[in-house]
Amino acid sequence: MDDNEASAEGLAAALAADGLETRYALSGVDALHAIDGWIPHVIVLDISMPEHDGFATARVLRRIPPTRNVGIIAFTALGEDYVRTQGLRAGFDGYCQKGNTPGALVHLIQRLVH
């Protein structure tokens, strides 16, 4: 999930090129609609978004049964220390800095799935 559509599409395409089934949402509300009828193994969330940030979205996803045990990764340009501190409280399972190669995110996703 990323509020920047070009970024969301680009990330989805990069992950699909590595053989992962992807869908993207542009907001926390859109993410909740996207999981209706389809439960992903891992959810990748940007943190800095209007209305509901990634922390708030992760907290909601952890409260609802279909996504309670799904892996959640923070994918953001924000610093790791801040995200890890806040992310643990929100229910994140991992962190990947934007700007890294897609392979770094794929590796983290695979680690959470297996």
PDB file of N, CA and C in Angstrom:
ATOM      1  N   MET A   1       0.839  -1.164   0.000  1.00  0.00           N
ATOM      2  CA  MET A   1       0.000   0.000   0.000  1.00  0.00           C
ATOM      3  C   MET A   1       0.888   1.233   0.000  1.00  0.00           C
ATOM      4  N   ASP A   2       0.608   2.114  -0.924  1.00  0.00           N
ATOM      5  CA  ASP A   2       1.357   3.366  -1.036  1.00  0.00           C
ATOM      6  C   ASP A   2       0.404   4.403  -1.611  1.00  0.00           C
ATOM      7  N   ASP A   3       0.434   5.617  -1.093  1.00  0.00           N
ATOM      8  CA  ASP A   3      -0.469   6.655  -1.590  1.00  0.00           C
ATOM      9  C   ASP A   3      -0.023   7.224  -2.930  1.00  0.00           C
ATOM     10  N   ASN A   4       1.179   6.889  -3.367  1.00  0.00           N
ATOM     11  CA  ASN A   4       1.686   7.319  -4.672  1.00  0.00           C
ATOM     12  C   ASN A   4       1.425   6.187  -5.665  1.00  0.00           C
ATOM     13  N   GLU A   5       0.493   6.422  -6.587  1.00  0.00           N
ATOM     14  CA  GLU A   5       0.075   5.344  -7.490  1.00  0.00           C
ATOM     15  C   GLU A   5       1.221   4.823  -8.350  1.00  0.00           C
ATOM     16  N   ALA A   6       2.074   5.703  -8.853  1.00  0.00           N
ATOM     17  CA  ALA A   6       3.201   5.254  -9.676  1.00  0.00           C
ATOM     18  C   ALA A   6       4.138   4.362  -8.865  1.00  0.00           C
ATOM     19  N   SER A   7       4.379   4.718  -7.611  1.00  0.00           N
ATOM     20  CA  SER A   7       5.232   3.893  -6.744  1.00  0.00           C
ATOM     21  C   SER A   7       4.578   2.547  -6.468  1.00  0.00           C
ATOM     22  N   ALA A   8       3.280   2.564  -6.189  1.00  0.00           N
ATOM     23  CA  ALA A   8       2.557   1.324  -5.905  1.00  0.00           C
ATOM     24  C   ALA A   8       2.568   0.396  -7.117  1.00  0.00           C
ATOM     25  N   GLU A   9       2.314   0.952  -8.300  1.00  0.00           N
ATOM     26  CA  GLU A   9       2.329   0.139  -9.521  1.00  0.00           C
ATOM     27  C   GLU A   9       3.718  -0.411  -9.802  1.00  0.00           C
ATOM     28  N   GLY A  10       4.737   0.426  -9.620  1.00  0.00           N
ATOM     29  CA  GLY A  10       6.107  -0.011  -9.862  1.00  0.00           C
ATOM     30  C   GLY A  10       6.526  -1.127  -8.928  1.00  0.00           C
ATOM     31  N   LEU A  11       6.179  -0.993  -7.659  1.00  0.00           N
ATOM     32  CA  LEU A  11       6.518  -2.032  -6.691  1.00  0.00           C
ATOM     33  C   LEU A  11       5.769  -3.321  -7.006  1.00  0.00           C
ATOM     34  N   ALA A  12       4.486  -3.213  -7.324  1.00  0.00           N
ATOM     35  CA  ALA A  12       3.703  -4.403  -7.671  1.00  0.00           C
ATOM     36  C   ALA A  12       4.298  -5.107  -8.885  1.00  0.00           C
ATOM     37  N   ALA A  13       4.721  -4.351  -9.883  1.00  0.00           N
ATOM     38  CA  ALA A  13       5.329  -4.943 -11.083  1.00  0.00           C
ATOM     39  C   ALA A  13       6.653  -5.622 -10.752  1.00  0.00           C
ATOM     40  N   ALA A  14       7.469  -4.987  -9.908  1.00  0.00           N
ATOM     41  CA  ALA A  14       8.760  -5.580  -9.532  1.00  0.00           C
ATOM     42  C   ALA A  14       8.558  -6.876  -8.757  1.00  0.00           C
ATOM     43  N   LEU A  15       7.589  -6.897  -7.855  1.00  0.00           N
ATOM     44  CA  LEU A  15       7.326  -8.112  -7.083  1.00  0.00           C
ATOM     45  C   LEU A  15       6.731  -9.202  -7.969  1.00  0.00           C
ATOM     46  N   ALA A  16       5.859  -8.819  -8.896  1.00  0.00           N
ATOM     47  CA  ALA A  16       5.280  -9.790  -9.825  1.00  0.00           C
ATOM     48  C   ALA A  16       6.356 -10.399 -10.714  1.00  0.00           C
ATOM     49  N   ALA A  17       7.352  -9.610 -11.089  1.00  0.00           N
ATOM     50  CA  ALA A  17       8.455 -10.123 -11.911  1.00  0.00           C
ATOM     51  C   ALA A  17       9.242 -11.195 -11.169  1.00  0.00           C
ATOM     52  N   ASP A  18       9.177 -11.175  -9.840  1.00  0.00           N
ATOM     53  CA  ASP A  18       9.827 -12.207  -9.029  1.00  0.00           C
ATOM     54  C   ASP A  18       8.877 -13.355  -8.714  1.00  0.00           C
ATOM     55  N   GLY A  19       7.724 -13.382  -9.377  1.00  0.00           N
ATOM     56  CA  GLY A  19       6.801 -14.492  -9.232  1.00  0.00           C
ATOM     57  C   GLY A  19       5.794 -14.359  -8.102  1.00  0.00           C
ATOM     58  N   LEU A  20       5.691 -13.184  -7.511  1.00  0.00           N
ATOM     59  CA  LEU A  20       4.743 -12.990  -6.418  1.00  0.00           C
ATOM     60  C   LEU A  20       3.423 -12.447  -6.946  1.00  0.00           C
ATOM     61  N   GLU A  21       2.317 -12.962  -6.422  1.00  0.00           N
ATOM     62  CA  GLU A  21       1.002 -12.423  -6.769  1.00  0.00           C
ATOM     63  C   GLU A  21       0.831 -11.118  -6.006  1.00  0.00           C
ATOM     64  N   THR A  22       0.476 -10.062  -6.698  1.00  0.00           N
ATOM     65  CA  THR A  22       0.388  -8.757  -6.047  1.00  0.00           C
ATOM     66  C   THR A  22      -0.929  -8.059  -6.343  1.00  0.00           C
ATOM     67  N   ARG A  23      -1.309  -7.230  -5.416  1.00  0.00           N
ATOM     68  CA  ARG A  23      -2.388  -6.261  -5.574  1.00  0.00           C
ATOM     69  C   ARG A  23      -1.927  -5.033  -4.817  1.00  0.00           C
ATOM     70  N   TYR A  24      -2.424  -3.877  -5.194  1.00  0.00           N
ATOM     71  CA  TYR A  24      -2.020  -2.692  -4.449  1.00  0.00           C
ATOM     72  C   TYR A  24      -3.225  -1.834  -4.103  1.00  0.00           C
ATOM     73  N   ALA A  25      -3.049  -1.055  -3.057  1.00  0.00           N
ATOM     74  CA  ALA A  25      -4.065  -0.118  -2.593  1.00  0.00           C
ATOM     75  C   ALA A  25      -3.391   1.225  -2.369  1.00  0.00           C
ATOM     76  N   LEU A  26      -4.153   2.291  -2.499  1.00  0.00           N
ATOM     77  CA  LEU A  26      -3.599   3.639  -2.376  1.00  0.00           C
ATOM     78  C   LEU A  26      -3.908   4.304  -1.034  1.00  0.00           C
ATOM     79  N   SER A  27      -4.643   3.601  -0.170  1.00  0.00           N
ATOM     80  CA  SER A  27      -4.958   4.141   1.159  1.00  0.00           C
ATOM     81  C   SER A  27      -5.287   2.986   2.093  1.00  0.00           C
ATOM     82  N   GLY A  28      -5.359   3.295   3.378  1.00  0.00           N
ATOM     83  CA  GLY A  28      -5.735   2.279   4.350  1.00  0.00           C
ATOM     84  C   GLY A  28      -7.133   1.744   4.098  1.00  0.00           C
ATOM     85  N   VAL A  29      -8.053   2.625   3.746  1.00  0.00           N
ATOM     86  CA  VAL A  29      -9.424   2.205   3.446  1.00  0.00           C
ATOM     87  C   VAL A  29      -9.431   1.300   2.219  1.00  0.00           C
ATOM     88  N   ASP A  30      -8.691   1.685   1.175  1.00  0.00           N
ATOM     89  CA  ASP A  30      -8.592   0.844  -0.025  1.00  0.00           C
ATOM     90  C   ASP A  30      -7.991  -0.518   0.312  1.00  0.00           C
ATOM     91  N   ALA A  31      -7.024  -0.547   1.216  1.00  0.00           N
ATOM     92  CA  ALA A  31      -6.391  -1.812   1.608  1.00  0.00           C
ATOM     93  C   ALA A  31      -7.411  -2.741   2.255  1.00  0.00           C
ATOM     94  N   LEU A  32      -8.263  -2.197   3.094  1.00  0.00           N
ATOM     95  CA  LEU A  32      -9.285  -3.024   3.736  1.00  0.00           C
ATOM     96  C   LEU A  32     -10.268  -3.580   2.712  1.00  0.00           C
ATOM     97  N   HIS A  33     -10.589  -2.804   1.683  1.00  0.00           N
ATOM     98  CA  HIS A  33     -11.458  -3.303   0.612  1.00  0.00           C
ATOM     99  C   HIS A  33     -10.734  -4.353  -0.230  1.00  0.00           C
ATOM    100  N   ALA A  34      -9.436  -4.174  -0.441  1.00  0.00           N
ATOM    101  CA  ALA A  34      -8.661  -5.101  -1.278  1.00  0.00           C
ATOM    102  C   ALA A  34      -8.581  -6.492  -0.669  1.00  0.00           C
ATOM    103  N   ILE A  35      -8.610  -6.587   0.657  1.00  0.00           N
ATOM    104  CA  ILE A  35      -8.504  -7.906   1.285  1.00  0.00           C
ATOM    105  C   ILE A  35      -9.852  -8.598   1.420  1.00  0.00           C
ATOM    106  N   ASP A  36     -10.926  -7.935   0.990  1.00  0.00           N
ATOM    107  CA  ASP A  36     -12.242  -8.564   1.010  1.00  0.00           C
ATOM    108  C   ASP A  36     -12.268  -9.673  -0.041  1.00  0.00           C
ATOM    109  N   GLY A  37     -12.263 -10.905   0.398  1.00  0.00           N
ATOM    110  CA  GLY A  37     -12.276 -12.039  -0.524  1.00  0.00           C
ATOM    111  C   GLY A  37     -10.903 -12.511  -0.956  1.00  0.00           C
ATOM    112  N   TRP A  38      -9.862 -11.843  -0.535  1.00  0.00           N
ATOM    113  CA  TRP A  38      -8.487 -12.239  -0.875  1.00  0.00           C
ATOM    114  C   TRP A  38      -7.588 -11.885   0.295  1.00  0.00           C
ATOM    115  N   ILE A  39      -7.016 -12.894   0.926  1.00  0.00           N
ATOM    116  CA  ILE A  39      -6.146 -12.652   2.071  1.00  0.00           C
ATOM    117  C   ILE A  39      -4.703 -12.890   1.636  1.00  0.00           C
ATOM    118  N   PRO A  40      -3.891 -11.847   1.645  1.00  0.00           N
ATOM    119  CA  PRO A  40      -2.488 -12.005   1.239  1.00  0.00           C
ATOM    120  C   PRO A  40      -1.671 -12.703   2.324  1.00  0.00           C
ATOM    121  N   HIS A  41      -0.522 -13.215   1.943  1.00  0.00           N
ATOM    122  CA  HIS A  41       0.410 -13.795   2.917  1.00  0.00           C
ATOM    123  C   HIS A  41       1.196 -12.694   3.616  1.00  0.00           C
ATOM    124  N   VAL A  42       1.464 -11.602   2.886  1.00  0.00           N
ATOM    125  CA  VAL A  42       2.240 -10.480   3.407  1.00  0.00           C
ATOM    126  C   VAL A  42       1.625  -9.182   2.889  1.00  0.00           C
ATOM    127  N   ILE A  43       1.619  -8.167   3.738  1.00  0.00           N
ATOM    128  CA  ILE A  43       1.150  -6.837   3.355  1.00  0.00           C
ATOM    129  C   ILE A  43       2.325  -5.876   3.494  1.00  0.00           C
ATOM    130  N   VAL A  44       2.569  -5.102   2.438  1.00  0.00           N
ATOM    131  CA  VAL A  44       3.657  -4.120   2.428  1.00  0.00           C
ATOM    132  C   VAL A  44       3.018  -2.736   2.530  1.00  0.00           C
ATOM    133  N   LEU A  45       3.360  -2.011   3.601  1.00  0.00           N
ATOM    134  CA  LEU A  45       2.737  -0.709   3.861  1.00  0.00           C
ATOM    135  C   LEU A  45       3.750   0.423   3.862  1.00  0.00           C
ATOM    136  N   ASP A  46       3.412   1.492   3.167  1.00  0.00           N
ATOM    137  CA  ASP A  46       4.144   2.745   3.333  1.00  0.00           C
ATOM    138  C   ASP A  46       3.706   3.315   4.684  1.00  0.00           C
ATOM    139  N   ILE A  47       4.525   4.147   5.275  1.00  0.00           N
ATOM    140  CA  ILE A  47       4.171   4.737   6.568  1.00  0.00           C
ATOM    141  C   ILE A  47       3.543   6.116   6.398  1.00  0.00           C
ATOM    142  N   SER A  48       4.189   6.980   5.644  1.00  0.00           N
ATOM    143  CA  SER A  48       3.737   8.374   5.509  1.00  0.00           C
ATOM    144  C   SER A  48       2.667   8.488   4.435  1.00  0.00           C
ATOM    145  N   MET A  49       1.412   8.540   4.887  1.00  0.00           N
ATOM    146  CA  MET A  49       0.292   8.667   3.968  1.00  0.00           C
ATOM    147  C   MET A  49      -0.740   9.600   4.576  1.00  0.00           C
ATOM    148  N   PRO A  50      -1.537  10.259   3.734  1.00  0.00           N
ATOM    149  CA  PRO A  50      -2.589  11.126   4.272  1.00  0.00           C
ATOM    150  C   PRO A  50      -3.693  10.290   4.928  1.00  0.00           C
ATOM    151  N   GLU A  51      -4.477  10.908   5.746  1.00  0.00           N
ATOM    152  CA  GLU A  51      -5.610  10.307   6.460  1.00  0.00           C
ATOM    153  C   GLU A  51      -5.161   9.267   7.479  1.00  0.00           C
ATOM    154  N   HIS A  52      -4.847   8.055   7.036  1.00  0.00           N
ATOM    155  CA  HIS A  52      -4.436   6.982   7.947  1.00  0.00           C
ATOM    156  C   HIS A  52      -3.031   6.550   7.559  1.00  0.00           C
ATOM    157  N   ASP A  53      -2.069   6.746   8.451  1.00  0.00           N
ATOM    158  CA  ASP A  53      -0.706   6.345   8.117  1.00  0.00           C
ATOM    159  C   ASP A  53      -0.552   4.827   8.225  1.00  0.00           C
ATOM    160  N   GLY A  54       0.614   4.339   7.872  1.00  0.00           N
ATOM    161  CA  GLY A  54       0.860   2.900   7.895  1.00  0.00           C
ATOM    162  C   GLY A  54       0.742   2.289   9.276  1.00  0.00           C
ATOM    163  N   PHE A  55       1.105   3.045  10.316  1.00  0.00           N
ATOM    164  CA  PHE A  55       0.981   2.534  11.682  1.00  0.00           C
ATOM    165  C   PHE A  55      -0.487   2.286  12.028  1.00  0.00           C
ATOM    166  N   ALA A  56      -1.350   3.260  11.719  1.00  0.00           N
ATOM    167  CA  ALA A  56      -2.785   3.116  12.002  1.00  0.00           C
ATOM    168  C   ALA A  56      -3.373   1.965  11.197  1.00  0.00           C
ATOM    169  N   THR A  57      -2.973   1.856   9.944  1.00  0.00           N
ATOM    170  CA  THR A  57      -3.476   0.775   9.095  1.00  0.00           C
ATOM    171  C   THR A  57      -3.045  -0.578   9.639  1.00  0.00           C
ATOM    172  N   ALA A  58      -1.794  -0.702  10.058  1.00  0.00           N
ATOM    173  CA  ALA A  58      -1.302  -1.967  10.623  1.00  0.00           C
ATOM    174  C   ALA A  58      -2.088  -2.341  11.879  1.00  0.00           C
ATOM    175  N   ARG A  59      -2.373  -1.367  12.728  1.00  0.00           N
ATOM    176  CA  ARG A  59      -3.137  -1.661  13.949  1.00  0.00           C
ATOM    177  C   ARG A  59      -4.527  -2.205  13.609  1.00  0.00           C
ATOM    178  N   VAL A  60      -5.172  -1.627  12.597  1.00  0.00           N
ATOM    179  CA  VAL A  60      -6.489  -2.124  12.176  1.00  0.00           C
ATOM    180  C   VAL A  60      -6.354  -3.532  11.610  1.00  0.00           C
ATOM    181  N   LEU A  61      -5.366  -3.756  10.754  1.00  0.00           N
ATOM    182  CA  LEU A  61      -5.174  -5.080  10.155  1.00  0.00           C
ATOM    183  C   LEU A  61      -4.916  -6.145  11.218  1.00  0.00           C
ATOM    184  N   ARG A  62      -4.245  -5.803  12.292  1.00  0.00           N
ATOM    185  CA  ARG A  62      -3.972  -6.752  13.380  1.00  0.00           C
ATOM    186  C   ARG A  62      -5.221  -7.066  14.205  1.00  0.00           C
ATOM    187  N   ARG A  63      -6.212  -6.190  14.155  1.00  0.00           N
ATOM    188  CA  ARG A  63      -7.429  -6.402  14.948  1.00  0.00           C
ATOM    189  C   ARG A  63      -8.481  -7.238  14.230  1.00  0.00           C
ATOM    190  N   ILE A  64      -8.406  -7.326  12.913  1.00  0.00           N
ATOM    191  CA  ILE A  64      -9.456  -8.063  12.204  1.00  0.00           C
ATOM    192  C   ILE A  64      -8.978  -9.488  11.906  1.00  0.00           C
ATOM    193  N   PRO A  65      -9.847 -10.478  12.102  1.00  0.00           N
ATOM    194  CA  PRO A  65      -9.439 -11.881  11.987  1.00  0.00           C
ATOM    195  C   PRO A  65      -8.743 -12.281  10.679  1.00  0.00           C
ATOM    196  N   PRO A  66      -9.201 -11.847   9.505  1.00  0.00           N
ATOM    197  CA  PRO A  66      -8.543 -12.337   8.282  1.00  0.00           C
ATOM    198  C   PRO A  66      -7.064 -11.966   8.165  1.00  0.00           C
ATOM    199  N   THR A  67      -6.660 -10.852   8.758  1.00  0.00           N
ATOM    200  CA  THR A  67      -5.267 -10.406   8.605  1.00  0.00           C
ATOM    201  C   THR A  67      -4.501 -10.382   9.925  1.00  0.00           C
ATOM    202  N   ARG A  68      -5.078 -10.927  10.952  1.00  0.00           N
ATOM    203  CA  ARG A  68      -4.449 -10.915  12.274  1.00  0.00           C
ATOM    204  C   ARG A  68      -3.050 -11.527  12.248  1.00  0.00           C
ATOM    205  N   ASN A  69      -2.860 -12.593  11.469  1.00  0.00           N
ATOM    206  CA  ASN A  69      -1.581 -13.305  11.452  1.00  0.00           C
ATOM    207  C   ASN A  69      -0.797 -13.136  10.155  1.00  0.00           C
ATOM    208  N   VAL A  70      -1.209 -12.209   9.325  1.00  0.00           N
ATOM    209  CA  VAL A  70      -0.514 -11.934   8.064  1.00  0.00           C
ATOM    210  C   VAL A  70       0.755 -11.132   8.365  1.00  0.00           C
ATOM    211  N   GLY A  71       1.845 -11.421   7.656  1.00  0.00           N
ATOM    212  CA  GLY A  71       3.064 -10.636   7.817  1.00  0.00           C
ATOM    213  C   GLY A  71       2.856  -9.218   7.308  1.00  0.00           C
ATOM    214  N   ILE A  72       3.349  -8.237   8.052  1.00  0.00           N
ATOM    215  CA  ILE A  72       3.226  -6.836   7.640  1.00  0.00           C
ATOM    216  C   ILE A  72       4.616  -6.213   7.625  1.00  0.00           C
ATOM    217  N   ILE A  73       4.970  -5.627   6.480  1.00  0.00           N
ATOM    218  CA  ILE A  73       6.282  -5.006   6.296  1.00  0.00           C
ATOM    219  C   ILE A  73       6.115  -3.503   6.107  1.00  0.00           C
ATOM    220  N   ALA A  74       6.916  -2.737   6.834  1.00  0.00           N
ATOM    221  CA  ALA A  74       6.987  -1.289   6.621  1.00  0.00           C
ATOM    222  C   ALA A  74       7.942  -1.046   5.461  1.00  0.00           C
ATOM    223  N   PHE A  75       7.470  -0.385   4.423  1.00  0.00           N
ATOM    224  CA  PHE A  75       8.284  -0.053   3.251  1.00  0.00           C
ATOM    225  C   PHE A  75       8.243   1.460   3.126  1.00  0.00           C
ATOM    226  N   THR A  76       9.293   2.121   3.581  1.00  0.00           N
ATOM    227  CA  THR A  76       9.232   3.565   3.769  1.00  0.00           C
ATOM    228  C   THR A  76      10.595   4.219   3.631  1.00  0.00           C
ATOM    229  N   ALA A  77      10.571   5.510   3.410  1.00  0.00           N
ATOM    230  CA  ALA A  77      11.811   6.289   3.376  1.00  0.00           C
ATOM    231  C   ALA A  77      12.191   6.779   4.768  1.00  0.00           C
ATOM    232  N   LEU A  78      11.302   6.598   5.741  1.00  0.00           N
ATOM    233  CA  LEU A  78      11.593   7.023   7.110  1.00  0.00           C
ATOM    234  C   LEU A  78      12.724   6.193   7.705  1.00  0.00           C
ATOM    235  N   GLY A  79      13.404   6.751   8.678  1.00  0.00           N
ATOM    236  CA  GLY A  79      14.531   6.076   9.314  1.00  0.00           C
ATOM    237  C   GLY A  79      14.137   4.809  10.050  1.00  0.00           C
ATOM    238  N   GLU A  80      15.038   3.852  10.023  1.00  0.00           N
ATOM    239  CA  GLU A  80      14.772   2.533  10.587  1.00  0.00           C
ATOM    240  C   GLU A  80      14.485   2.568  12.089  1.00  0.00           C
ATOM    241  N   ASP A  81      15.244   3.325  12.862  1.00  0.00           N
ATOM    242  CA  ASP A  81      15.045   3.342  14.316  1.00  0.00           C
ATOM    243  C   ASP A  81      13.640   3.800  14.683  1.00  0.00           C
ATOM    244  N   TYR A  82      13.180   4.882  14.072  1.00  0.00           N
ATOM    245  CA  TYR A  82      11.842   5.401  14.351  1.00  0.00           C
ATOM    246  C   TYR A  82      10.779   4.382  13.959  1.00  0.00           C
ATOM    247  N   VAL A  83      10.918   3.810  12.773  1.00  0.00           N
ATOM    248  CA  VAL A  83       9.910   2.870  12.279  1.00  0.00           C
ATOM    249  C   VAL A  83       9.896   1.608  13.127  1.00  0.00           C
ATOM    250  N   ARG A  84      11.055   1.113  13.500  1.00  0.00           N
ATOM    251  CA  ARG A  84      11.096  -0.101  14.333  1.00  0.00           C
ATOM    252  C   ARG A  84      10.433   0.138  15.690  1.00  0.00           C
ATOM    253  N   THR A  85      10.708   1.265  16.305  1.00  0.00           N
ATOM    254  CA  THR A  85      10.110   1.562  17.608  1.00  0.00           C
ATOM    255  C   THR A  85       8.594   1.648  17.501  1.00  0.00           C
ATOM    256  N   GLN A  86       8.109   2.465  16.580  1.00  0.00           N
ATOM    257  CA  GLN A  86       6.668   2.636  16.405  1.00  0.00           C
ATOM    258  C   GLN A  86       6.034   1.401  15.765  1.00  0.00           C
ATOM    259  N   GLY A  87       6.772   0.766  14.866  1.00  0.00           N
ATOM    260  CA  GLY A  87       6.246  -0.379  14.140  1.00  0.00           C
ATOM    261  C   GLY A  87       5.988  -1.590  15.008  1.00  0.00           C
ATOM    262  N   LEU A  88       6.826  -1.826  15.994  1.00  0.00           N
ATOM    263  CA  LEU A  88       6.593  -2.946  16.902  1.00  0.00           C
ATOM    264  C   LEU A  88       5.269  -2.774  17.627  1.00  0.00           C
ATOM    265  N   ARG A  89       4.986  -1.565  18.052  1.00  0.00           N
ATOM    266  CA  ARG A  89       3.718  -1.296  18.742  1.00  0.00           C
ATOM    267  C   ARG A  89       2.521  -1.448  17.809  1.00  0.00           C
ATOM    268  N   ALA A  90       2.719  -1.134  16.543  1.00  0.00           N
ATOM    269  CA  ALA A  90       1.621  -1.201  15.571  1.00  0.00           C
ATOM    270  C   ALA A  90       1.419  -2.608  15.016  1.00  0.00           C
ATOM    271  N   GLY A  91       2.405  -3.489  15.182  1.00  0.00           N
ATOM    272  CA  GLY A  91       2.260  -4.861  14.720  1.00  0.00           C
ATOM    273  C   GLY A  91       3.027  -5.211  13.461  1.00  0.00           C
ATOM    274  N   PHE A  92       4.013  -4.404  13.089  1.00  0.00           N
ATOM    275  CA  PHE A  92       4.831  -4.727  11.917  1.00  0.00           C
ATOM    276  C   PHE A  92       5.764  -5.898  12.217  1.00  0.00           C
ATOM    277  N   ASP A  93       6.030  -6.699  11.188  1.00  0.00           N
ATOM    278  CA  ASP A  93       6.944  -7.836  11.309  1.00  0.00           C
ATOM    279  C   ASP A  93       8.300  -7.564  10.683  1.00  0.00           C
ATOM    280  N   GLY A  94       8.397  -6.543   9.853  1.00  0.00           N
ATOM    281  CA  GLY A  94       9.652  -6.267   9.173  1.00  0.00           C
ATOM    282  C   GLY A  94       9.705  -4.846   8.655  1.00  0.00           C
ATOM    283  N   TYR A  95      10.896  -4.467   8.216  1.00  0.00           N
ATOM    284  CA  TYR A  95      11.163  -3.114   7.724  1.00  0.00           C
ATOM    285  C   TYR A  95      12.060  -3.210   6.501  1.00  0.00           C
ATOM    286  N   CYS A  96      11.731  -2.445   5.465  1.00  0.00           N
ATOM    287  CA  CYS A  96      12.586  -2.349   4.283  1.00  0.00           C
ATOM    288  C   CYS A  96      12.614  -0.885   3.850  1.00  0.00           C
ATOM    289  N   GLN A  97      13.796  -0.353   3.711  1.00  0.00           N
ATOM    290  CA  GLN A  97      13.985   1.048   3.328  1.00  0.00           C
ATOM    291  C   GLN A  97      13.674   1.227   1.844  1.00  0.00           C
ATOM    292  N   LYS A  98      12.843   2.210   1.508  1.00  0.00           N
ATOM    293  CA  LYS A  98      12.624   2.541   0.097  1.00  0.00           C
ATOM    294  C   LYS A  98      13.958   2.956  -0.500  1.00  0.00           C
ATOM    295  N   GLY A  99      14.187   2.578  -1.727  1.00  0.00           N
ATOM    296  CA  GLY A  99      15.451   2.883  -2.391  1.00  0.00           C
ATOM    297  C   GLY A  99      16.344   1.659  -2.476  1.00  0.00           C
ATOM    298  N   ASN A 100      16.083   0.649  -1.639  1.00  0.00           N
ATOM    299  CA  ASN A 100      16.807  -0.617  -1.766  1.00  0.00           C
ATOM    300  C   ASN A 100      16.354  -1.317  -3.043  1.00  0.00           C
ATOM    301  N   THR A 101      17.090  -2.306  -3.455  1.00  0.00           N
ATOM    302  CA  THR A 101      16.686  -3.082  -4.626  1.00  0.00           C
ATOM    303  C   THR A 101      15.414  -3.861  -4.297  1.00  0.00           C
ATOM    304  N   PRO A 102      14.597  -4.164  -5.304  1.00  0.00           N
ATOM    305  CA  PRO A 102      13.417  -4.990  -5.043  1.00  0.00           C
ATOM    306  C   PRO A 102      13.782  -6.333  -4.418  1.00  0.00           C
ATOM    307  N   GLY A 103      14.983  -6.824  -4.717  1.00  0.00           N
ATOM    308  CA  GLY A 103      15.417  -8.100  -4.164  1.00  0.00           C
ATOM    309  C   GLY A 103      15.447  -8.112  -2.647  1.00  0.00           C
ATOM    310  N   ALA A 104      15.783  -6.985  -2.032  1.00  0.00           N
ATOM    311  CA  ALA A 104      15.803  -6.908  -0.566  1.00  0.00           C
ATOM    312  C   ALA A 104      14.400  -7.106  -0.003  1.00  0.00           C
ATOM    313  N   LEU A 105      13.409  -6.500  -0.646  1.00  0.00           N
ATOM    314  CA  LEU A 105      12.029  -6.659  -0.198  1.00  0.00           C
ATOM    315  C   LEU A 105      11.534  -8.075  -0.469  1.00  0.00           C
ATOM    316  N   VAL A 106      11.861  -8.616  -1.631  1.00  0.00           N
ATOM    317  CA  VAL A 106      11.461  -9.988  -1.963  1.00  0.00           C
ATOM    318  C   VAL A 106      12.030 -10.957  -0.930  1.00  0.00           C
ATOM    319  N   HIS A 107      13.295 -10.784  -0.570  1.00  0.00           N
ATOM    320  CA  HIS A 107      13.928 -11.654   0.427  1.00  0.00           C
ATOM    321  C   HIS A 107      13.176 -11.577   1.756  1.00  0.00           C
ATOM    322  N   LEU A 108      12.818 -10.385   2.184  1.00  0.00           N
ATOM    323  CA  LEU A 108      12.087 -10.214   3.435  1.00  0.00           C
ATOM    324  C   LEU A 108      10.705 -10.859   3.349  1.00  0.00           C
ATOM    325  N   ILE A 109      10.021 -10.673   2.233  1.00  0.00           N
ATOM    326  CA  ILE A 109       8.707 -11.299   2.037  1.00  0.00           C
ATOM    327  C   ILE A 109       8.833 -12.812   2.117  1.00  0.00           C
ATOM    328  N   GLN A 110       9.802 -13.374   1.415  1.00  0.00           N
ATOM    329  CA  GLN A 110       9.988 -14.828   1.421  1.00  0.00           C
ATOM    330  C   GLN A 110      10.296 -15.341   2.821  1.00  0.00           C
ATOM    331  N   ARG A 111      11.078 -14.584   3.574  1.00  0.00           N
ATOM    332  CA  ARG A 111      11.402 -14.986   4.941  1.00  0.00           C
ATOM    333  C   ARG A 111      10.143 -15.022   5.815  1.00  0.00           C
ATOM    334  N   LEU A 112       9.248 -14.071   5.630  1.00  0.00           N
ATOM    335  CA  LEU A 112       8.019 -14.049   6.424  1.00  0.00           C
ATOM    336  C   LEU A 112       7.040 -15.143   6.019  1.00  0.00           C
ATOM    337  N   VAL A 113       7.050 -15.517   4.759  1.00  0.00           N
ATOM    338  CA  VAL A 113       6.114 -16.525   4.263  1.00  0.00           C
ATOM    339  C   VAL A 113       6.551 -17.932   4.660  1.00  0.00           C
ATOM    340  N   HIS A 114       7.844 -18.162   4.708  1.00  0.00           N
ATOM    341  CA  HIS A 114       8.342 -19.526   4.984  1.00  0.00           C
ATOM    342  C   HIS A 114       8.690 -19.710   6.404  1.00  0.00           C
TER     343      HIS A 114
END
